[in-house]
N, C-alpha and C. Protein backbone atom coordinates (compact mmCIF):
# COMPACT_ATOMS: atom_id res chain seq x y z
N MET A 1 103.25 99.24 131.32
CA MET A 1 102.05 99.47 130.55
C MET A 1 101.01 98.46 130.95
N THR A 2 99.81 98.89 131.13
CA THR A 2 98.72 98.02 131.52
C THR A 2 98.24 97.23 130.31
N PRO A 3 98.09 95.92 130.44
CA PRO A 3 97.63 95.12 129.30
C PRO A 3 96.20 95.49 128.93
N ALA A 4 95.83 95.27 127.67
CA ALA A 4 94.47 95.50 127.22
C ALA A 4 93.55 94.49 127.90
N VAL A 5 92.28 94.78 127.90
CA VAL A 5 91.30 93.89 128.53
C VAL A 5 91.50 92.47 128.00
N GLY A 6 91.54 91.52 128.90
CA GLY A 6 91.69 90.12 128.51
C GLY A 6 93.12 89.67 128.29
N GLN A 7 94.07 90.57 128.37
CA GLN A 7 95.47 90.20 128.15
C GLN A 7 96.20 90.14 129.48
N GLN A 8 97.20 89.31 129.51
CA GLN A 8 98.03 89.21 130.70
C GLN A 8 99.43 89.69 130.33
N ALA A 9 100.05 90.42 131.25
CA ALA A 9 101.38 90.97 130.98
C ALA A 9 102.38 89.89 130.61
N ALA A 10 102.27 88.71 131.20
CA ALA A 10 103.23 87.64 130.96
C ALA A 10 103.19 87.15 129.52
N THR A 11 102.09 87.40 128.80
CA THR A 11 101.98 86.91 127.43
C THR A 11 102.24 88.01 126.40
N GLU A 12 102.71 89.16 126.84
CA GLU A 12 102.93 90.25 125.91
C GLU A 12 104.03 89.91 124.92
N ALA A 13 103.73 90.13 123.65
CA ALA A 13 104.71 89.89 122.59
C ALA A 13 105.78 90.98 122.65
N THR A 14 107.02 90.59 122.42
CA THR A 14 108.12 91.55 122.52
C THR A 14 108.90 91.72 121.22
N THR A 15 108.52 90.99 120.17
CA THR A 15 109.16 91.15 118.87
C THR A 15 108.07 91.39 117.83
N PRO A 16 108.42 92.02 116.72
CA PRO A 16 107.41 92.22 115.67
C PRO A 16 106.77 90.91 115.20
N GLU A 17 107.59 89.88 115.00
CA GLU A 17 107.07 88.59 114.54
C GLU A 17 106.10 87.99 115.55
N ALA A 18 106.45 88.06 116.82
CA ALA A 18 105.58 87.51 117.86
C ALA A 18 104.28 88.30 117.95
N ALA A 19 104.35 89.61 117.80
CA ALA A 19 103.14 90.43 117.88
C ALA A 19 102.20 90.13 116.72
N VAL A 20 102.74 89.97 115.52
CA VAL A 20 101.90 89.64 114.36
C VAL A 20 101.26 88.28 114.56
N THR A 21 102.03 87.32 115.02
CA THR A 21 101.49 85.99 115.25
C THR A 21 100.39 86.05 116.31
N LYS A 22 100.65 86.74 117.39
CA LYS A 22 99.69 86.81 118.49
C LYS A 22 98.41 87.54 118.09
N ILE A 23 98.55 88.71 117.48
CA ILE A 23 97.40 89.56 117.22
C ILE A 23 96.71 89.21 115.90
N CYS A 24 97.45 89.13 114.83
CA CYS A 24 96.84 88.93 113.51
C CYS A 24 96.38 87.49 113.31
N ALA A 25 97.26 86.54 113.64
CA ALA A 25 96.94 85.14 113.41
C ALA A 25 95.88 84.62 114.37
N ALA A 26 95.50 85.41 115.36
CA ALA A 26 94.43 85.00 116.26
C ALA A 26 93.09 84.95 115.53
N CYS A 27 92.97 85.72 114.43
CA CYS A 27 91.69 85.80 113.71
C CYS A 27 91.74 85.29 112.28
N HIS A 28 92.90 85.30 111.68
CA HIS A 28 93.00 84.87 110.28
C HIS A 28 94.38 84.29 110.02
N THR A 29 94.53 83.67 108.87
CA THR A 29 95.81 83.07 108.52
C THR A 29 96.83 84.16 108.19
N MET A 30 98.08 83.83 108.32
CA MET A 30 99.13 84.79 107.98
C MET A 30 99.21 85.00 106.46
N GLU A 31 98.68 84.07 105.67
CA GLU A 31 98.66 84.25 104.23
C GLU A 31 97.85 85.48 103.84
N LEU A 32 96.82 85.78 104.61
CA LEU A 32 96.03 86.97 104.34
C LEU A 32 96.90 88.22 104.43
N VAL A 33 97.83 88.22 105.37
CA VAL A 33 98.75 89.34 105.54
C VAL A 33 99.81 89.33 104.44
N THR A 34 100.42 88.18 104.22
CA THR A 34 101.54 88.10 103.29
C THR A 34 101.11 88.21 101.83
N ASP A 35 99.84 87.97 101.54
CA ASP A 35 99.36 88.06 100.17
C ASP A 35 98.82 89.44 99.80
N THR A 36 98.84 90.37 100.75
CA THR A 36 98.27 91.69 100.47
C THR A 36 99.21 92.82 100.87
N PRO A 37 100.34 92.98 100.17
CA PRO A 37 101.23 94.09 100.49
C PRO A 37 100.51 95.41 100.33
N ARG A 38 100.83 96.35 101.22
CA ARG A 38 100.20 97.67 101.21
C ARG A 38 101.21 98.71 101.65
N ASP A 39 100.92 99.97 101.34
CA ASP A 39 101.80 101.01 101.83
C ASP A 39 101.51 101.24 103.32
N TYR A 40 102.37 102.03 103.94
CA TYR A 40 102.29 102.21 105.39
C TYR A 40 100.93 102.75 105.83
N ASP A 41 100.42 103.74 105.12
CA ASP A 41 99.12 104.32 105.50
C ASP A 41 98.00 103.29 105.39
N ALA A 42 98.03 102.49 104.34
CA ALA A 42 97.00 101.46 104.19
C ALA A 42 97.11 100.41 105.29
N TRP A 43 98.35 100.06 105.69
CA TRP A 43 98.51 99.12 106.81
C TRP A 43 97.97 99.74 108.09
N HIS A 44 98.24 101.02 108.30
CA HIS A 44 97.74 101.69 109.50
C HIS A 44 96.21 101.62 109.54
N ASP A 45 95.57 101.90 108.42
CA ASP A 45 94.11 101.83 108.35
C ASP A 45 93.61 100.41 108.60
N THR A 46 94.31 99.43 108.05
CA THR A 46 93.91 98.03 108.23
C THR A 46 94.03 97.63 109.70
N VAL A 47 95.13 97.99 110.33
CA VAL A 47 95.32 97.65 111.75
C VAL A 47 94.24 98.34 112.59
N GLN A 48 93.92 99.59 112.27
CA GLN A 48 92.87 100.28 113.03
C GLN A 48 91.52 99.58 112.86
N LYS A 49 91.23 99.10 111.67
CA LYS A 49 89.99 98.35 111.44
C LYS A 49 89.97 97.08 112.28
N MET A 50 91.12 96.42 112.37
CA MET A 50 91.20 95.19 113.17
C MET A 50 90.97 95.51 114.65
N ILE A 51 91.52 96.60 115.11
CA ILE A 51 91.30 97.03 116.50
C ILE A 51 89.82 97.31 116.71
N ASP A 52 89.21 98.01 115.75
CA ASP A 52 87.78 98.33 115.85
C ASP A 52 86.92 97.06 115.87
N ARG A 53 87.42 95.99 115.24
CA ARG A 53 86.69 94.72 115.20
C ARG A 53 87.00 93.82 116.39
N GLY A 54 87.88 94.28 117.27
CA GLY A 54 88.13 93.52 118.49
C GLY A 54 89.50 92.91 118.64
N ALA A 55 90.44 93.21 117.73
CA ALA A 55 91.80 92.68 117.90
C ALA A 55 92.33 93.18 119.24
N ARG A 56 92.98 92.29 119.96
CA ARG A 56 93.46 92.63 121.30
C ARG A 56 94.98 92.61 121.38
N GLY A 57 95.49 93.61 122.08
CA GLY A 57 96.92 93.72 122.31
C GLY A 57 97.21 95.04 122.98
N THR A 58 98.42 95.19 123.43
CA THR A 58 98.82 96.45 124.04
C THR A 58 99.22 97.44 122.95
N GLN A 59 99.34 98.70 123.32
CA GLN A 59 99.82 99.71 122.37
C GLN A 59 101.18 99.31 121.82
N GLU A 60 102.04 98.81 122.70
CA GLU A 60 103.38 98.40 122.26
C GLU A 60 103.30 97.27 121.24
N GLU A 61 102.40 96.30 121.47
CA GLU A 61 102.26 95.19 120.53
C GLU A 61 101.76 95.67 119.17
N PHE A 62 100.79 96.59 119.19
CA PHE A 62 100.31 97.12 117.91
C PHE A 62 101.41 97.91 117.21
N GLY A 63 102.25 98.58 117.97
CA GLY A 63 103.41 99.24 117.38
C GLY A 63 104.35 98.24 116.73
N LEU A 64 104.55 97.10 117.38
CA LEU A 64 105.39 96.04 116.81
C LEU A 64 104.76 95.46 115.54
N VAL A 65 103.45 95.32 115.53
CA VAL A 65 102.76 94.85 114.33
C VAL A 65 103.02 95.81 113.18
N MET A 66 102.90 97.10 113.44
CA MET A 66 103.16 98.09 112.39
C MET A 66 104.61 98.04 111.93
N ASP A 67 105.54 97.83 112.85
CA ASP A 67 106.95 97.68 112.47
C ASP A 67 107.11 96.50 111.52
N TYR A 68 106.51 95.37 111.88
CA TYR A 68 106.62 94.17 111.04
C TYR A 68 106.04 94.44 109.64
N LEU A 69 104.86 95.01 109.60
CA LEU A 69 104.20 95.26 108.31
C LEU A 69 105.01 96.22 107.46
N PHE A 70 105.57 97.27 108.08
CA PHE A 70 106.39 98.22 107.33
C PHE A 70 107.65 97.55 106.79
N LEU A 71 108.33 96.82 107.63
CA LEU A 71 109.61 96.24 107.24
C LEU A 71 109.49 95.05 106.29
N ASN A 72 108.36 94.36 106.33
CA ASN A 72 108.24 93.11 105.58
C ASN A 72 107.14 93.07 104.53
N MET A 73 106.12 93.89 104.67
CA MET A 73 104.97 93.77 103.79
C MET A 73 104.60 95.09 103.09
N THR A 74 105.55 96.00 103.01
CA THR A 74 105.31 97.29 102.37
C THR A 74 106.16 97.37 101.10
N PRO A 75 105.52 97.62 99.96
CA PRO A 75 106.29 97.76 98.71
C PRO A 75 107.06 99.08 98.69
N VAL A 76 108.11 99.10 97.89
CA VAL A 76 108.90 100.33 97.73
C VAL A 76 109.26 100.51 96.26
N ASP A 77 109.12 101.73 95.79
CA ASP A 77 109.58 102.10 94.46
C ASP A 77 110.98 102.67 94.64
N VAL A 78 111.98 101.92 94.23
CA VAL A 78 113.37 102.31 94.43
C VAL A 78 113.68 103.65 93.77
N ASN A 79 113.02 103.95 92.67
CA ASN A 79 113.30 105.20 91.95
C ASN A 79 112.58 106.42 92.52
N HIS A 80 111.73 106.22 93.53
CA HIS A 80 111.01 107.36 94.10
C HIS A 80 110.93 107.37 95.63
N GLY A 81 111.20 106.26 96.29
CA GLY A 81 111.10 106.21 97.74
C GLY A 81 112.12 107.10 98.43
N ASP A 82 111.72 107.69 99.57
CA ASP A 82 112.67 108.52 100.32
C ASP A 82 113.64 107.63 101.09
N ALA A 83 114.62 108.24 101.70
CA ALA A 83 115.69 107.49 102.38
C ALA A 83 115.13 106.59 103.48
N ASP A 84 114.19 107.10 104.28
CA ASP A 84 113.62 106.28 105.35
C ASP A 84 112.90 105.06 104.80
N MET A 85 112.14 105.25 103.74
CA MET A 85 111.44 104.12 103.12
C MET A 85 112.43 103.10 102.58
N LEU A 86 113.45 103.57 101.89
CA LEU A 86 114.46 102.66 101.35
C LEU A 86 115.16 101.89 102.47
N MET A 87 115.55 102.60 103.54
CA MET A 87 116.25 101.94 104.65
C MET A 87 115.36 100.90 105.31
N GLY A 88 114.10 101.24 105.55
CA GLY A 88 113.21 100.33 106.24
C GLY A 88 112.85 99.11 105.43
N VAL A 89 112.37 99.33 104.23
CA VAL A 89 111.87 98.23 103.41
C VAL A 89 113.00 97.37 102.86
N LEU A 90 114.11 98.00 102.47
CA LEU A 90 115.23 97.24 101.90
C LEU A 90 116.23 96.77 102.97
N HIS A 91 116.00 97.18 104.22
CA HIS A 91 116.88 96.80 105.33
C HIS A 91 118.33 97.21 105.04
N ILE A 92 118.50 98.47 104.67
CA ILE A 92 119.82 98.98 104.35
C ILE A 92 120.15 100.15 105.27
N ASP A 93 121.43 100.52 105.30
CA ASP A 93 121.83 101.66 106.13
C ASP A 93 121.68 102.96 105.33
N GLU A 94 121.92 104.07 106.01
CA GLU A 94 121.75 105.38 105.38
C GLU A 94 122.71 105.58 104.21
N LYS A 95 123.91 105.06 104.35
CA LYS A 95 124.90 105.20 103.27
C LYS A 95 124.40 104.55 101.98
N ALA A 96 123.84 103.35 102.08
CA ALA A 96 123.31 102.68 100.90
C ALA A 96 122.10 103.42 100.35
N ALA A 97 121.23 103.91 101.23
CA ALA A 97 120.06 104.67 100.78
C ALA A 97 120.48 105.91 100.01
N GLN A 98 121.48 106.61 100.53
CA GLN A 98 121.97 107.81 99.85
C GLN A 98 122.63 107.46 98.51
N ALA A 99 123.28 106.31 98.45
CA ALA A 99 123.89 105.87 97.18
C ALA A 99 122.79 105.59 96.14
N ILE A 100 121.69 105.01 96.58
CA ILE A 100 120.57 104.75 95.67
C ILE A 100 120.00 106.08 95.16
N ILE A 101 119.79 107.01 96.08
CA ILE A 101 119.21 108.31 95.72
C ILE A 101 120.13 109.06 94.76
N ALA A 102 121.44 109.04 95.01
CA ALA A 102 122.40 109.72 94.13
C ALA A 102 122.41 109.09 92.74
N ARG A 103 122.43 107.77 92.69
CA ARG A 103 122.48 107.09 91.39
C ARG A 103 121.20 107.32 90.59
N ARG A 104 120.04 107.23 91.23
CA ARG A 104 118.78 107.37 90.49
C ARG A 104 118.57 108.80 89.99
N ALA A 105 119.25 109.77 90.63
CA ALA A 105 119.16 111.16 90.15
C ALA A 105 119.83 111.29 88.78
N VAL A 106 120.82 110.46 88.53
CA VAL A 106 121.53 110.46 87.26
C VAL A 106 120.82 109.57 86.25
N ARG A 107 120.45 108.38 86.69
CA ARG A 107 119.81 107.39 85.82
C ARG A 107 118.96 106.46 86.69
N PRO A 108 117.66 106.41 86.45
CA PRO A 108 116.81 105.52 87.24
C PRO A 108 117.24 104.06 87.11
N PHE A 109 116.98 103.30 88.14
CA PHE A 109 117.27 101.87 88.11
C PHE A 109 116.26 101.17 87.22
N LYS A 110 116.74 100.15 86.48
CA LYS A 110 115.86 99.39 85.59
C LYS A 110 115.21 98.22 86.31
N ASP A 111 115.99 97.56 87.16
CA ASP A 111 115.49 96.35 87.79
C ASP A 111 116.39 95.98 88.98
N LEU A 112 116.08 94.86 89.59
CA LEU A 112 116.83 94.42 90.77
C LEU A 112 118.30 94.17 90.44
N ALA A 113 118.58 93.59 89.30
CA ALA A 113 119.97 93.34 88.91
C ALA A 113 120.75 94.65 88.78
N ASP A 114 120.11 95.65 88.19
CA ASP A 114 120.75 96.97 88.05
C ASP A 114 121.03 97.57 89.43
N LEU A 115 120.09 97.45 90.34
CA LEU A 115 120.28 97.95 91.71
C LEU A 115 121.45 97.23 92.38
N GLU A 116 121.47 95.92 92.30
CA GLU A 116 122.52 95.13 92.97
C GLU A 116 123.91 95.44 92.43
N LYS A 117 124.03 95.63 91.13
CA LYS A 117 125.37 95.89 90.58
C LYS A 117 125.81 97.34 90.77
N SER A 118 124.86 98.24 90.99
CA SER A 118 125.19 99.66 91.09
C SER A 118 125.44 100.16 92.50
N VAL A 119 124.93 99.45 93.50
CA VAL A 119 125.04 99.90 94.89
C VAL A 119 125.70 98.80 95.71
N SER A 120 126.84 99.11 96.28
CA SER A 120 127.54 98.10 97.07
C SER A 120 126.93 97.98 98.46
N GLY A 121 127.12 96.83 99.07
CA GLY A 121 126.67 96.61 100.44
C GLY A 121 125.25 96.13 100.57
N LEU A 122 124.57 95.82 99.47
CA LEU A 122 123.21 95.31 99.55
C LEU A 122 123.23 93.82 99.80
N ASP A 123 122.28 93.34 100.54
CA ASP A 123 122.15 91.92 100.86
C ASP A 123 121.34 91.25 99.74
N ARG A 124 122.04 90.59 98.86
CA ARG A 124 121.41 89.98 97.68
C ARG A 124 120.32 88.98 98.07
N LYS A 125 120.58 88.17 99.08
CA LYS A 125 119.60 87.16 99.51
C LYS A 125 118.33 87.83 100.03
N LEU A 126 118.51 88.88 100.82
CA LEU A 126 117.36 89.61 101.35
C LEU A 126 116.57 90.26 100.22
N LEU A 127 117.26 90.92 99.30
CA LEU A 127 116.57 91.55 98.18
C LEU A 127 115.81 90.53 97.35
N GLU A 128 116.40 89.39 97.14
CA GLU A 128 115.74 88.33 96.38
C GLU A 128 114.47 87.87 97.09
N SER A 129 114.55 87.76 98.41
CA SER A 129 113.38 87.31 99.18
C SER A 129 112.27 88.35 99.18
N LYS A 130 112.61 89.60 98.94
CA LYS A 130 111.62 90.68 98.96
C LYS A 130 111.30 91.21 97.56
N LYS A 131 111.73 90.51 96.53
CA LYS A 131 111.64 91.07 95.18
C LYS A 131 110.21 91.42 94.76
N ARG A 132 109.22 90.75 95.29
CA ARG A 132 107.84 91.10 94.91
C ARG A 132 107.38 92.41 95.55
N MET A 133 108.18 92.93 96.48
CA MET A 133 107.87 94.20 97.13
C MET A 133 108.69 95.36 96.57
N ILE A 134 109.60 95.08 95.64
CA ILE A 134 110.51 96.09 95.15
C ILE A 134 110.16 96.44 93.70
N PHE A 135 109.89 97.74 93.46
CA PHE A 135 109.47 98.19 92.14
C PHE A 135 110.43 99.25 91.61
N PHE A 136 110.41 99.40 90.29
CA PHE A 136 111.28 100.36 89.62
C PHE A 136 110.44 101.14 88.60
N GLN A 137 109.77 102.18 89.06
CA GLN A 137 108.88 102.95 88.17
C GLN A 137 109.50 104.26 87.79
C-alpha cells in the first residue's frame, strides 16, 4: 500500500494502539478520545472529520484506528446489543455472547454484577476496566 502524502512506509503503524497514538495524538491529547465514548457510526463520522481536517495515515492505519475505537471506546447496552457488538466491546467469544442473549431473553441483566454471576467465562478485570462503557437498559 502506498503511504499517504508525507508518510513513510517505515513509520506505518501496525497495531490499533500505535495507529491511534500516531494519528490521533498528533493533533490532540488522548484524553479527548478517552473522555468521549461514542457508538461506531459516530466514531466513523469523527474519524472522517479528522481526515477532512488533515489527519494523515494510510487506509490500513485508519482501519486500525476504527478497530481501537470500536473495541475500547464504544459503549454497549448488554440488554440490546447484537452478538457482534457484545463480542467486540466486551472482548468475549461467540459462546459467551450467545449466553448473554439467551439469558436476557428470559430476564434482562440489572448490572455488571448480575452479568458476571450469570455468564461464565467473562474476564472480570476487563469488564471492571470498561464498566463506564457497559450499560443495562
